[in-house]
Amino acid sequence: MLKITSYPVLFAHTTSNDSQSPSNITSEQGGSLEVDPELDALRHIVSQTKGFYARDYSLWLGWNNMRYIIEAAVLHGRILNRTTVIPSYVYARACEFDISVCAAYATMVNRGDATGSDEWRQLPIEQQMAWRIPVSLMFNLTHLRETHAVITVSDYLRLHNISVDVETTNGRWDTDLYHRGVDIFSDSGAEPSLYVIKNEWYDAGVVRVDQLPQTMRERGGWNITHGSVGSWATKEETPLSLALHDAMTSGASVLDWDTALIVVGDENEPIGVESSSDGRIASILEENGWEVLYTYGGVCGSDATKDVVVPIRQVTPRSLLRGLYEDFGFIEQDVLLLSGEVHLGRKPGALKFTTHESRERYTQTVLYDFRLTDNVIELADQLSNRMVEKASGRMWMGAHMRRGDFATLKWTMESSFEAHLARIKRHLRDGRDILHFVHHGPLYTYKVPFGRADRTPLLLDPPADHDQFYIATDERDPTNLTYLRDQGAVLISDLLTIDDRRTFGWSLMLTDVLSVVEQATLAHAAYFYAHAHSSVAGGVVNLRASHGADPRTALLET
């Protein structure tokens, strides 16, 4: 079994105060000038890296997609040994109460005006509103900083004596205003320099990977032409290489591993049992100008969910490979900016990996380093226990029922609300049968680092036919919600108490924060069902994998 590197705590910074006050450069106490300790902690983070890695963030997207983008940005910063700069805030898209209630606690903005999008212009004005909330409400930034160099845009601005008020509302990096200050800990007086990676440079016509191992460079004749930028030696195509190309679908740049095995077997002498190991296949591919890549298949075979629980291999011509480190690791400017978006249509991390170990390290980052906030974890545990009580001590099942924009766009699994719920209940009945089987053991886990099986399916009895089930949904029509309850569904509002809301805090009024609590709750469900086209589902699956859930106890339907 692969031994995952245990990374030391790199950053001592543990503050949870994400203050955006611009007046925190120095303070005078007792006649002596003292540096703000928070800024000093931020300086400590940055000082251990080469500079800053910045992105243009798509703040008009929902939280789960934003999280996937931030996860990829943190990966890139790690590869490049740079401090990743993430947005100081995100937009919560709905309020559970009258919008004026949420506006009393968080800055309310018109979503279209703030992000420069006309997507919501036709909606009633109250549905065009959004609430600007600190990104640290959505995940545990302090915990992430223990292993990754990460700061917010407001942190960056304060470190350069720039007003935090200039942070853009659409998530784009301002190449002018963000570079007008000076490092408050430097005597040089120089404004931060900038290098922009144009969007078309990222992966147009190439296969973007993390880094090119030395052995790969040597066998491919990697020639460094400037700094660390290089090119592959031109080699004549072999018959096997041509056959692999023929097996690729039109427009594709990679070939799946199983197909590659078939092609290699067809083009070579019969391979003996001992020599048919993966290592031997990889060697044959390498000898013919191809390389093995490590990435993710998606729990439902789709990249839309961005889950990291199904590791797969692919193969590609070596000549297409470009390493993020090789292409941009030599840049000396203070800020390295990736322009535009590289989220849609790409694997988790927005690149592929050249080693099994590097992919496993990213899986570890997503599942364990990006941790939910403590109040979310604690509340989800309580809600799960209440569902066990409602099931009379038995296992309970849950589902995500995406309505809202999916119903408007006709992306739901069924055209009518009643048919949609009937479909969910049918799959939960199948799930109950699966749990009766799983209850007898043995248990399995997803193929992720540090996977330890959750023994709950062995300890609790399977659900009974009449048991209630949990539904997480963005449906808000009172008639439909009544129908859900009449059909045996339990909703988040049925489980939350006044004390829960008081203990958790004001942010629970915002639907996006409430949705994170629901994801964390569904991570405890004995069986989980969802629509694969919703990014919410991928987040739940990742959480379930980190908790040791059995892969047989979840279904994401395409």
Protein backbone atom coordinates (compact mmCIF):
# COMPACT_ATOMS: atom_id res chain seq x y z
CA MET A 1 0.00 0.00 0.00
CA LEU A 2 1.28 3.46 -0.90
CA LYS A 3 2.65 5.42 2.01
CA ILE A 4 1.35 8.98 1.86
CA THR A 5 3.87 11.60 2.82
CA SER A 6 3.09 13.11 6.18
CA TYR A 7 3.54 16.81 5.66
CA PRO A 8 4.71 18.84 8.66
CA VAL A 9 2.83 21.86 9.92
CA LEU A 10 4.36 24.52 7.73
CA PHE A 11 2.50 27.51 9.02
CA ALA A 12 2.09 28.43 12.66
CA HIS A 13 -0.70 30.92 11.89
CA THR A 14 -3.90 29.83 13.65
CA THR A 15 -5.95 33.01 13.79
CA SER A 16 -9.59 32.77 12.76
CA ASN A 17 -10.02 36.54 12.58
CA ASP A 18 -10.53 37.55 8.97
CA SER A 19 -10.86 41.25 9.72
CA GLN A 20 -10.86 43.48 6.68
CA SER A 21 -9.89 46.64 8.53
CA PRO A 22 -7.31 48.63 6.57
CA SER A 23 -5.87 50.26 9.68
CA ASN A 24 -3.79 47.36 10.91
CA ILE A 25 -0.26 48.15 9.74
CA THR A 26 1.25 49.05 13.10
CA SER A 27 0.10 50.07 16.53
CA GLU A 28 1.89 52.16 19.10
CA GLN A 29 1.89 50.86 22.65
CA GLY A 30 4.02 52.13 25.52
CA GLY A 31 6.03 54.32 23.21
CA SER A 32 7.21 51.43 21.01
CA LEU A 33 6.02 50.56 17.52
CA GLU A 34 4.67 47.01 17.19
CA VAL A 35 3.72 45.05 14.09
CA ASP A 36 0.16 43.78 13.91
CA PRO A 37 0.50 40.08 14.92
CA GLU A 38 -2.00 38.97 12.28
CA LEU A 39 -0.03 40.67 9.52
CA ASP A 40 3.16 39.19 10.92
CA ALA A 41 1.58 35.73 10.72
CA LEU A 42 0.58 36.38 7.11
CA ARG A 43 4.12 37.49 6.33
CA HIS A 44 5.35 34.22 7.83
CA ILE A 45 3.13 32.26 5.42
CA VAL A 46 4.30 34.21 2.37
CA SER A 47 7.99 34.19 3.37
CA GLN A 48 8.17 30.40 2.97
CA THR A 49 7.11 30.56 -0.67
CA LYS A 50 8.36 32.13 -3.87
CA GLY A 51 5.60 34.72 -4.18
CA PHE A 52 1.87 34.81 -4.90
CA TYR A 53 -0.34 32.70 -7.16
CA ALA A 54 -3.53 34.51 -8.17
CA ARG A 55 -6.58 33.58 -10.20
CA ASP A 56 -9.62 35.18 -11.79
CA TYR A 57 -12.36 33.63 -9.66
CA SER A 58 -15.89 33.12 -11.00
CA LEU A 59 -17.78 34.53 -8.03
CA TRP A 60 -21.12 34.26 -9.84
CA LEU A 61 -21.00 30.47 -9.37
CA GLY A 62 -22.47 28.66 -6.38
CA TRP A 63 -20.35 27.62 -3.43
CA ASN A 64 -19.61 24.03 -4.46
CA ASN A 65 -18.19 25.10 -7.81
CA MET A 66 -16.27 27.87 -6.08
CA ARG A 67 -14.82 25.35 -3.67
CA TYR A 68 -13.65 23.14 -6.55
CA ILE A 69 -11.96 26.16 -8.14
CA ILE A 70 -10.26 27.13 -4.87
CA GLU A 71 -9.10 23.52 -4.35
CA ALA A 72 -7.46 23.60 -7.79
CA ALA A 73 -5.87 26.99 -7.11
CA VAL A 74 -4.36 25.73 -3.86
CA LEU A 75 -2.94 22.74 -5.73
CA HIS A 76 -1.34 25.01 -8.33
CA GLY A 77 0.15 27.21 -5.63
CA ARG A 78 1.66 24.16 -3.97
CA ILE A 79 3.17 22.90 -7.24
CA LEU A 80 4.67 26.33 -7.97
CA ASN A 81 5.75 26.97 -4.36
CA ARG A 82 3.67 30.11 -4.21
CA THR A 83 1.15 31.47 -1.73
CA THR A 84 -2.31 31.01 -3.21
CA VAL A 85 -4.53 34.09 -3.02
CA ILE A 86 -8.24 33.26 -2.75
CA PRO A 87 -11.30 35.57 -2.64
CA SER A 88 -11.98 37.22 0.71
CA TYR A 89 -15.68 36.57 0.30
CA VAL A 90 -18.26 34.65 -1.70
CA TYR A 91 -21.91 35.37 -2.43
CA ALA A 92 -24.71 33.56 -0.63
CA ARG A 93 -27.53 33.41 -3.13
CA ALA A 94 -30.67 33.21 -0.96
CA CYS A 95 -32.02 34.03 2.48
CA GLU A 96 -34.21 31.65 4.45
CA PHE A 97 -36.23 34.60 5.78
CA ASP A 98 -37.18 38.02 4.45
CA ILE A 99 -34.18 39.49 2.64
CA SER A 100 -34.08 42.43 5.06
CA VAL A 101 -33.30 40.01 7.90
CA CYS A 102 -30.18 38.67 6.21
CA ALA A 103 -29.25 42.20 5.09
CA ALA A 104 -29.04 43.18 8.76
CA TYR A 105 -26.12 40.74 9.17
CA ALA A 106 -24.36 40.63 5.79
CA THR A 107 -23.88 43.14 2.99
CA MET A 108 -26.64 42.68 0.43
CA VAL A 109 -25.85 43.32 -3.23
CA ASN A 110 -27.51 42.85 -6.58
CA ARG A 111 -25.85 39.69 -7.86
CA GLY A 112 -25.85 40.79 -11.48
CA ASP A 113 -24.39 44.21 -10.68
CA ALA A 114 -21.71 42.72 -8.44
CA THR A 115 -20.54 40.01 -10.83
CA GLY A 116 -21.29 41.64 -14.18
CA SER A 117 -23.77 38.98 -15.25
CA ASP A 118 -27.27 39.36 -16.69
CA GLU A 119 -28.26 35.80 -15.77
CA TRP A 120 -30.72 36.90 -13.08
CA ARG A 121 -32.06 40.17 -14.58
CA GLN A 122 -35.45 38.67 -15.46
CA LEU A 123 -36.12 37.48 -11.91
CA PRO A 124 -38.09 39.51 -9.36
CA ILE A 125 -35.77 42.05 -7.76
CA GLU A 126 -35.67 40.24 -4.39
CA GLN A 127 -34.42 37.10 -6.16
CA GLN A 128 -31.59 39.07 -7.73
CA MET A 129 -30.07 39.79 -4.34
CA ALA A 130 -27.05 38.09 -2.79
CA TRP A 131 -25.15 38.44 0.47
CA ARG A 132 -21.40 38.93 0.67
CA ILE A 133 -19.94 36.69 3.36
CA PRO A 134 -16.33 35.86 4.37
CA VAL A 135 -15.00 32.78 2.62
CA SER A 136 -13.89 31.52 6.05
CA LEU A 137 -17.55 30.84 6.88
CA MET A 138 -17.61 28.14 4.20
CA PHE A 139 -14.55 26.09 5.18
CA ASN A 140 -11.90 26.02 7.89
CA LEU A 141 -9.24 28.35 6.53
CA THR A 142 -7.16 28.05 9.69
CA HIS A 143 -6.93 24.27 9.28
CA LEU A 144 -6.01 24.59 5.60
CA ARG A 145 -3.17 26.94 6.47
CA GLU A 146 -1.52 24.27 8.58
CA THR A 147 -0.39 22.52 5.39
CA HIS A 148 -0.85 25.04 2.57
CA ALA A 149 0.23 28.62 1.97
CA VAL A 150 -3.10 30.40 1.49
CA ILE A 151 -4.20 34.00 2.08
CA THR A 152 -7.22 36.03 0.99
CA VAL A 153 -7.23 38.98 -1.37
CA SER A 154 -7.83 41.31 1.58
CA ASP A 155 -4.77 39.80 3.30
CA TYR A 156 -2.71 40.49 0.18
CA LEU A 157 -3.96 44.07 0.01
CA ARG A 158 -3.18 44.74 3.66
CA LEU A 159 0.31 43.28 3.23
CA HIS A 160 0.87 45.89 0.52
CA ASN A 161 -0.76 48.81 2.35
CA ILE A 162 -3.65 48.93 -0.12
CA SER A 163 -7.21 49.57 1.01
CA VAL A 164 -9.27 46.39 1.14
CA ASP A 165 -12.13 48.40 -0.37
CA VAL A 166 -10.58 47.98 -3.84
CA GLU A 167 -11.18 44.21 -3.89
CA THR A 168 -13.16 43.51 -7.05
CA THR A 169 -16.74 42.33 -6.66
CA ASN A 170 -16.58 39.87 -9.57
CA GLY A 171 -13.52 37.92 -8.38
CA ARG A 172 -11.16 39.06 -11.12
CA TRP A 173 -7.62 40.07 -10.23
CA ASP A 174 -7.17 43.83 -10.70
CA THR A 175 -3.82 44.09 -12.49
CA ASP A 176 -3.71 47.82 -11.79
CA LEU A 177 -4.98 48.62 -8.31
CA TYR A 178 -3.61 45.45 -6.71
CA HIS A 179 -0.11 46.46 -7.81
CA ARG A 180 0.00 50.07 -6.59
CA GLY A 181 1.15 49.33 -3.06
CA VAL A 182 4.42 48.21 -1.53
CA ASP A 183 5.28 45.34 0.78
CA ILE A 184 4.96 46.76 4.29
CA PHE A 185 7.72 44.45 5.50
CA SER A 186 10.18 45.45 2.77
CA ASP A 187 12.40 48.52 2.47
CA SER A 188 12.65 48.30 -1.31
CA GLY A 189 9.66 50.56 -2.00
CA ALA A 190 8.94 48.57 -5.16
CA GLU A 191 5.40 47.76 -6.23
CA PRO A 192 4.65 44.03 -6.65
CA SER A 193 5.60 42.79 -10.12
CA LEU A 194 3.20 40.73 -12.21
CA TYR A 195 3.39 37.90 -14.73
CA VAL A 196 0.14 36.90 -16.47
CA ILE A 197 -0.46 33.37 -17.75
CA LYS A 198 -2.83 33.93 -20.64
CA ASN A 199 -5.81 31.60 -20.55
CA GLU A 200 -5.00 30.10 -23.94
CA TRP A 201 -1.54 29.16 -22.69
CA TYR A 202 -2.93 26.89 -20.00
CA ASP A 203 -4.03 23.75 -21.83
CA ALA A 204 -5.01 24.62 -25.39
CA GLY A 205 -3.60 21.86 -27.58
CA VAL A 206 -1.67 20.25 -24.71
CA VAL A 207 -2.29 17.95 -21.77
CA ARG A 208 -1.61 19.97 -18.63
CA VAL A 209 0.05 17.99 -15.83
CA ASP A 210 1.55 18.92 -12.51
CA GLN A 211 5.24 18.25 -13.14
CA LEU A 212 7.47 16.20 -15.43
CA PRO A 213 9.51 13.65 -13.45
CA GLN A 214 13.22 13.52 -14.21
CA THR A 215 12.98 9.98 -15.59
CA MET A 216 10.26 11.09 -18.00
CA ARG A 217 12.37 14.02 -19.17
CA GLU A 218 15.32 11.75 -19.83
CA ARG A 219 13.45 9.14 -21.86
CA GLY A 220 11.62 11.82 -23.84
CA GLY A 221 14.66 13.94 -24.62
CA TRP A 222 13.30 17.02 -22.84
CA ASN A 223 15.33 19.98 -24.01
CA ILE A 224 15.37 23.11 -21.88
CA THR A 225 15.42 26.17 -24.08
CA HIS A 226 14.85 29.02 -21.64
CA GLY A 227 14.85 28.82 -17.87
CA SER A 228 12.77 25.74 -17.14
CA VAL A 229 10.72 25.91 -20.35
CA GLY A 230 11.52 23.11 -22.73
CA SER A 231 10.32 20.88 -25.55
CA TRP A 232 10.29 17.19 -26.34
CA ALA A 233 12.67 15.60 -28.84
CA THR A 234 10.96 14.68 -32.10
CA LYS A 235 10.75 10.92 -32.58
CA GLU A 236 9.31 8.76 -35.32
CA GLU A 237 5.99 7.13 -34.52
CA THR A 238 6.12 3.36 -33.88
CA PRO A 239 3.41 0.96 -35.04
CA LEU A 240 2.11 0.71 -31.46
CA SER A 241 1.99 4.49 -31.12
CA LEU A 242 0.01 4.76 -34.35
CA ALA A 243 -2.38 2.05 -33.15
CA LEU A 244 -2.94 3.93 -29.87
CA HIS A 245 -3.68 7.11 -31.82
CA ASP A 246 -6.21 5.21 -33.94
CA ALA A 247 -7.95 4.00 -30.79
CA MET A 248 -8.53 7.53 -29.52
CA THR A 249 -11.86 9.18 -30.17
CA SER A 250 -11.91 12.20 -32.45
CA GLY A 251 -10.60 15.31 -30.73
CA ALA A 252 -9.42 13.44 -27.63
CA SER A 253 -5.94 13.88 -26.17
CA VAL A 254 -5.97 10.90 -23.80
CA LEU A 255 -6.88 7.22 -23.98
CA ASP A 256 -8.44 5.28 -21.13
CA TRP A 257 -6.31 2.63 -19.47
CA ASP A 258 -8.45 -0.39 -20.37
CA THR A 259 -8.41 0.50 -24.06
CA ALA A 260 -4.65 1.01 -23.91
CA LEU A 261 -4.25 -2.49 -22.45
CA ILE A 262 -6.21 -3.98 -25.34
CA VAL A 263 -4.15 -2.11 -27.95
CA VAL A 264 -0.85 -3.05 -26.30
CA GLY A 265 -1.94 -6.70 -26.18
CA ASP A 266 -2.93 -6.67 -29.86
CA GLU A 267 0.31 -5.09 -31.02
CA ASN A 268 2.75 -7.23 -29.00
CA GLU A 269 3.68 -10.85 -28.53
CA PRO A 270 1.33 -12.65 -26.10
CA ILE A 271 2.17 -11.26 -22.68
CA GLY A 272 2.88 -13.79 -19.95
CA VAL A 273 1.22 -13.62 -16.56
CA GLU A 274 4.31 -12.28 -14.79
CA SER A 275 5.12 -9.68 -17.45
CA SER A 276 1.53 -8.47 -17.74
CA SER A 277 1.88 -6.33 -14.64
CA ASP A 278 0.97 -2.66 -14.83
CA GLY A 279 4.66 -1.80 -14.63
CA ARG A 280 5.43 -3.83 -17.75
CA ILE A 281 2.54 -2.24 -19.65
CA ALA A 282 3.76 1.21 -18.62
CA SER A 283 7.26 0.37 -19.83
CA ILE A 284 5.94 -0.71 -23.23
CA LEU A 285 3.98 2.53 -23.51
CA GLU A 286 7.01 4.60 -22.54
CA GLU A 287 9.21 2.84 -25.08
CA ASN A 288 6.69 3.88 -27.73
CA GLY A 289 6.42 7.55 -26.77
CA TRP A 290 3.37 7.39 -24.47
CA GLU A 291 3.01 8.07 -20.77
CA VAL A 292 0.65 6.97 -18.00
CA LEU A 293 -1.32 9.74 -16.26
CA TYR A 294 -3.17 9.63 -12.94
CA THR A 295 -6.48 11.38 -12.44
CA TYR A 296 -10.12 10.77 -11.38
CA GLY A 297 -13.02 9.05 -13.10
CA GLY A 298 -15.91 10.54 -11.16
CA VAL A 299 -18.16 8.35 -9.03
CA CYS A 300 -20.78 8.39 -11.80
CA GLY A 301 -18.32 8.53 -14.69
CA SER A 302 -18.74 12.29 -15.02
CA ASP A 303 -16.35 15.18 -14.34
CA ALA A 304 -19.22 17.47 -13.32
CA THR A 305 -19.23 16.35 -9.69
CA LYS A 306 -15.45 16.93 -9.29
CA ASP A 307 -15.23 14.16 -6.71
CA VAL A 308 -11.84 12.58 -6.00
CA VAL A 309 -12.91 9.12 -4.85
CA VAL A 310 -12.49 7.12 -8.09
CA PRO A 311 -8.80 7.09 -9.08
CA ILE A 312 -8.13 6.12 -12.68
CA ARG A 313 -5.27 6.01 -15.17
CA GLN A 314 -5.11 7.35 -18.69
CA VAL A 315 -2.41 7.35 -21.33
CA THR A 316 -1.34 10.09 -23.69
CA PRO A 317 1.40 10.85 -26.22
CA ARG A 318 4.40 12.23 -24.35
CA SER A 319 4.70 15.05 -26.87
CA LEU A 320 1.43 16.57 -25.60
CA LEU A 321 2.52 16.84 -21.98
CA ARG A 322 3.26 20.23 -20.43
CA GLY A 323 4.12 20.53 -16.77
CA LEU A 324 2.73 23.44 -14.78
CA TYR A 325 5.99 23.58 -12.87
CA GLU A 326 8.18 23.40 -15.98
CA ASP A 327 6.25 26.12 -17.81
CA PHE A 328 5.78 28.59 -14.98
CA GLY A 329 7.90 27.54 -12.01
CA PHE A 330 10.84 29.64 -13.17
CA ILE A 331 8.86 32.92 -13.21
CA GLU A 332 10.43 35.43 -10.83
CA GLN A 333 7.71 38.09 -10.66
CA ASP A 334 6.03 38.62 -7.29
CA VAL A 335 2.55 37.70 -8.55
CA LEU A 336 1.83 34.92 -11.02
CA LEU A 337 -1.72 35.31 -12.35
CA LEU A 338 -3.66 32.69 -14.29
CA SER A 339 -6.05 34.75 -16.39
CA GLY A 340 -9.62 33.63 -17.01
CA GLU A 341 -11.31 30.41 -15.91
CA VAL A 342 -10.08 26.82 -16.22
CA HIS A 343 -12.89 25.10 -14.32
CA LEU A 344 -15.42 23.67 -16.78
CA GLY A 345 -14.68 20.50 -18.70
CA ARG A 346 -11.62 19.58 -16.65
CA LYS A 347 -10.74 16.99 -14.06
CA PRO A 348 -10.43 17.85 -10.34
CA GLY A 349 -7.39 20.06 -9.86
CA ALA A 350 -7.75 21.36 -13.46
CA LEU A 351 -4.81 19.18 -14.46
CA LYS A 352 -3.61 15.57 -14.38
CA PHE A 353 -0.81 13.99 -12.43
CA THR A 354 2.32 12.21 -13.61
CA THR A 355 2.70 10.07 -10.49
CA HIS A 356 0.39 8.06 -8.28
CA GLU A 357 1.86 9.82 -5.23
CA SER A 358 1.07 13.34 -6.43
CA ARG A 359 -2.54 12.40 -7.19
CA GLU A 360 -2.88 10.83 -3.74
CA ARG A 361 -1.54 14.00 -2.14
CA TYR A 362 -4.22 16.05 -3.90
CA THR A 363 -6.90 13.59 -2.80
CA GLN A 364 -5.63 14.11 0.74
CA THR A 365 -5.88 17.87 0.28
CA VAL A 366 -9.50 17.74 -0.86
CA LEU A 367 -10.72 15.22 1.70
CA TYR A 368 -8.77 16.22 4.80
CA ASP A 369 -7.05 19.59 4.41
CA PHE A 370 -10.20 21.37 3.17
CA ARG A 371 -12.18 20.83 6.33
CA LEU A 372 -15.63 22.10 7.25
CA THR A 373 -15.87 24.67 10.02
CA ASP A 374 -16.31 23.33 13.54
CA ASN A 375 -19.86 24.64 13.92
CA VAL A 376 -20.94 22.87 10.72
CA ILE A 377 -19.40 19.58 11.85
CA GLU A 378 -20.99 19.78 15.29
CA LEU A 379 -24.45 20.69 14.00
CA ALA A 380 -24.39 17.97 11.33
CA ASP A 381 -23.52 15.39 13.97
CA GLN A 382 -26.53 16.49 16.04
CA LEU A 383 -28.88 16.42 13.05
CA SER A 384 -27.70 12.94 12.11
CA ASN A 385 -28.37 11.73 15.65
CA ARG A 386 -31.88 13.17 15.45
CA MET A 387 -32.50 11.26 12.24
CA VAL A 388 -31.41 8.07 14.00
CA GLU A 389 -33.98 8.86 16.69
CA LYS A 390 -36.68 9.38 14.05
CA ALA A 391 -35.76 5.97 12.65
CA SER A 392 -36.15 4.40 16.10
CA GLY A 393 -32.42 3.75 16.38
CA ARG A 394 -32.03 2.30 12.90
CA MET A 395 -29.92 3.52 9.99
CA TRP A 396 -31.44 6.42 8.08
CA MET A 397 -31.34 7.30 4.40
CA GLY A 398 -31.13 10.65 2.64
CA ALA A 399 -31.28 12.26 -0.77
CA HIS A 400 -30.59 15.56 -2.46
CA MET A 401 -33.53 16.86 -4.50
CA ARG A 402 -32.30 19.66 -6.73
CA ARG A 403 -35.12 21.90 -7.93
CA GLY A 404 -34.81 25.69 -8.33
CA ASP A 405 -32.78 26.52 -11.43
CA PHE A 406 -32.73 22.85 -12.48
CA ALA A 407 -36.53 22.87 -12.73
CA THR A 408 -36.43 26.12 -14.71
CA LEU A 409 -33.79 24.73 -17.09
CA LYS A 410 -35.60 21.36 -17.26
CA TRP A 411 -32.54 19.53 -15.91
CA THR A 412 -34.47 17.62 -13.23
CA MET A 413 -34.80 13.84 -13.50
CA GLU A 414 -38.60 14.07 -13.84
CA SER A 415 -40.86 16.78 -15.23
CA SER A 416 -43.30 16.90 -12.30
CA PHE A 417 -42.51 17.34 -8.62
CA GLU A 418 -44.53 14.24 -7.70
CA ALA A 419 -42.71 12.08 -10.25
CA HIS A 420 -39.36 13.44 -9.05
CA LEU A 421 -40.08 12.41 -5.46
CA ALA A 422 -41.39 9.01 -6.60
CA ARG A 423 -38.09 8.42 -8.40
CA ILE A 424 -36.14 9.31 -5.27
CA LYS A 425 -38.25 6.98 -3.10
CA ARG A 426 -37.78 4.15 -5.59
CA HIS A 427 -34.00 4.49 -5.33
CA LEU A 428 -34.16 4.73 -1.55
CA ARG A 429 -36.09 1.44 -1.51
CA ASP A 430 -33.22 -0.07 -3.49
CA GLY A 431 -30.86 1.52 -0.99
CA ARG A 432 -32.67 -0.16 1.88
CA ASP A 433 -32.10 -3.54 0.23
CA ILE A 434 -28.42 -2.71 -0.19
CA LEU A 435 -28.12 -1.77 3.49
CA HIS A 436 -29.62 -5.14 4.52
CA PHE A 437 -26.79 -6.75 2.53
CA VAL A 438 -24.07 -4.39 3.80
CA HIS A 439 -25.24 -4.90 7.40
CA HIS A 440 -23.77 -8.40 7.40
CA GLY A 441 -20.32 -7.22 6.28
CA PRO A 442 -17.62 -7.04 5.20
CA LEU A 443 -17.37 -3.28 4.75
CA TYR A 444 -15.42 -1.51 2.03
CA THR A 445 -14.10 2.02 1.61
CA TYR A 446 -13.42 4.29 -1.33
CA LYS A 447 -9.90 4.07 -2.73
CA VAL A 448 -8.66 7.13 -0.88
CA PRO A 449 -5.74 7.78 1.49
CA PHE A 450 -6.30 6.86 5.14
CA GLY A 451 -9.65 5.23 4.40
CA ARG A 452 -11.06 3.53 7.52
CA ALA A 453 -14.49 1.94 7.28
CA ASP A 454 -17.31 3.55 9.23
CA ARG A 455 -18.74 0.67 11.28
CA THR A 456 -22.19 2.23 11.72
CA PRO A 457 -23.81 -0.12 9.13
CA LEU A 458 -22.71 -3.05 11.29
CA LEU A 459 -23.87 -1.52 14.57
CA LEU A 460 -27.34 -0.23 13.61
CA ASP A 461 -30.18 -2.21 12.10
CA PRO A 462 -31.15 -1.46 8.48
CA PRO A 463 -34.07 0.93 7.82
CA ALA A 464 -37.60 -0.41 8.05
CA ASP A 465 -40.12 -0.01 5.23
CA HIS A 466 -42.05 2.71 7.05
CA ASP A 467 -39.07 4.79 8.22
CA GLN A 468 -38.89 8.46 7.37
CA PHE A 469 -36.06 9.66 5.14
CA TYR A 470 -34.15 12.92 4.89
CA ILE A 471 -34.45 15.25 1.89
CA ALA A 472 -32.12 18.17 1.25
CA THR A 473 -33.75 20.45 -1.30
CA ASP A 474 -33.85 23.99 -2.59
CA GLU A 475 -37.60 23.67 -3.18
CA ARG A 476 -39.42 26.45 -1.36
CA ASP A 477 -43.02 26.16 -2.61
CA PRO A 478 -45.16 25.54 0.54
CA THR A 479 -47.47 23.11 -1.28
CA ASN A 480 -44.56 21.00 -2.48
CA LEU A 481 -42.91 21.03 0.95
CA THR A 482 -46.14 19.81 2.52
CA TYR A 483 -46.29 17.05 -0.08
CA LEU A 484 -42.73 15.99 0.83
CA ARG A 485 -43.63 15.67 4.50
CA ASP A 486 -46.85 13.81 3.72
CA GLN A 487 -44.77 11.29 1.76
CA GLY A 488 -42.43 10.62 4.69
CA ALA A 489 -39.66 13.16 4.08
CA VAL A 490 -37.89 15.01 6.88
CA LEU A 491 -36.56 18.48 6.00
CA ILE A 492 -33.80 20.52 7.62
CA SER A 493 -36.36 22.85 9.18
CA ASP A 494 -37.94 19.85 10.91
CA LEU A 495 -34.68 19.04 12.67
CA LEU A 496 -33.30 22.47 13.56
CA THR A 497 -34.12 23.98 16.94
CA ILE A 498 -33.98 27.55 18.19
CA ASP A 499 -30.94 26.61 20.27
CA ASP A 500 -29.24 25.26 17.11
CA ARG A 501 -29.71 28.59 15.39
CA ARG A 502 -28.49 30.56 18.39
CA THR A 503 -25.42 28.37 18.85
CA PHE A 504 -24.49 28.29 15.17
CA GLY A 505 -24.96 32.01 14.53
CA TRP A 506 -26.57 34.35 12.03
CA SER A 507 -25.02 32.79 8.91
CA LEU A 508 -27.38 29.79 9.16
CA MET A 509 -30.08 32.11 7.75
CA LEU A 510 -28.27 32.05 4.42
CA THR A 511 -29.24 29.17 2.15
CA ASP A 512 -25.68 28.55 0.95
CA VAL A 513 -24.43 28.06 4.51
CA LEU A 514 -27.47 25.92 5.34
CA SER A 515 -26.67 23.82 2.27
CA VAL A 516 -23.17 23.10 3.60
CA VAL A 517 -24.76 21.89 6.85
CA GLU A 518 -27.06 19.65 4.81
CA GLN A 519 -24.12 18.24 2.86
CA ALA A 520 -22.34 17.45 6.11
CA THR A 521 -25.51 15.81 7.43
CA LEU A 522 -25.96 13.67 4.30
CA ALA A 523 -22.37 12.51 4.74
CA HIS A 524 -23.69 10.55 7.75
CA ALA A 525 -26.65 8.99 5.93
CA ALA A 526 -26.51 5.19 5.75
CA TYR A 527 -27.55 5.51 2.09
CA PHE A 528 -27.39 8.58 -0.16
CA TYR A 529 -29.01 9.29 -3.53
CA ALA A 530 -28.63 12.37 -5.75
CA HIS A 531 -28.62 13.72 -9.29
CA ALA A 532 -25.10 13.54 -10.71
CA HIS A 533 -25.40 16.85 -12.54
CA SER A 534 -25.51 18.81 -9.29
CA SER A 535 -22.20 19.94 -7.81
CA VAL A 536 -23.74 19.44 -4.36
CA ALA A 537 -23.65 15.68 -4.88
CA GLY A 538 -19.91 15.60 -5.52
CA GLY A 539 -19.28 17.48 -2.29
CA VAL A 540 -21.36 14.96 -0.33
CA VAL A 541 -19.52 12.00 -1.89
CA ASN A 542 -16.14 13.51 -0.97
CA LEU A 543 -17.33 13.98 2.62
CA ARG A 544 -18.65 10.41 2.74
CA ALA A 545 -15.31 9.08 1.50
CA SER A 546 -13.46 11.00 4.20
CA HIS A 547 -15.83 9.49 6.81
CA GLY A 548 -15.17 5.93 5.61
CA ALA A 549 -18.53 5.28 3.94
CA ASP A 550 -18.96 2.14 1.87
CA PRO A 551 -19.07 2.99 -1.88
CA ARG A 552 -22.10 0.71 -2.28
CA THR A 553 -24.17 3.04 -0.09
CA ALA A 554 -24.35 5.97 -2.52
CA LEU A 555 -25.88 6.43 -5.95
CA LEU A 556 -25.39 9.47 -8.17
CA GLU A 557 -27.76 9.02 -11.08
CA THR A 558 -26.90 10.41 -14.50
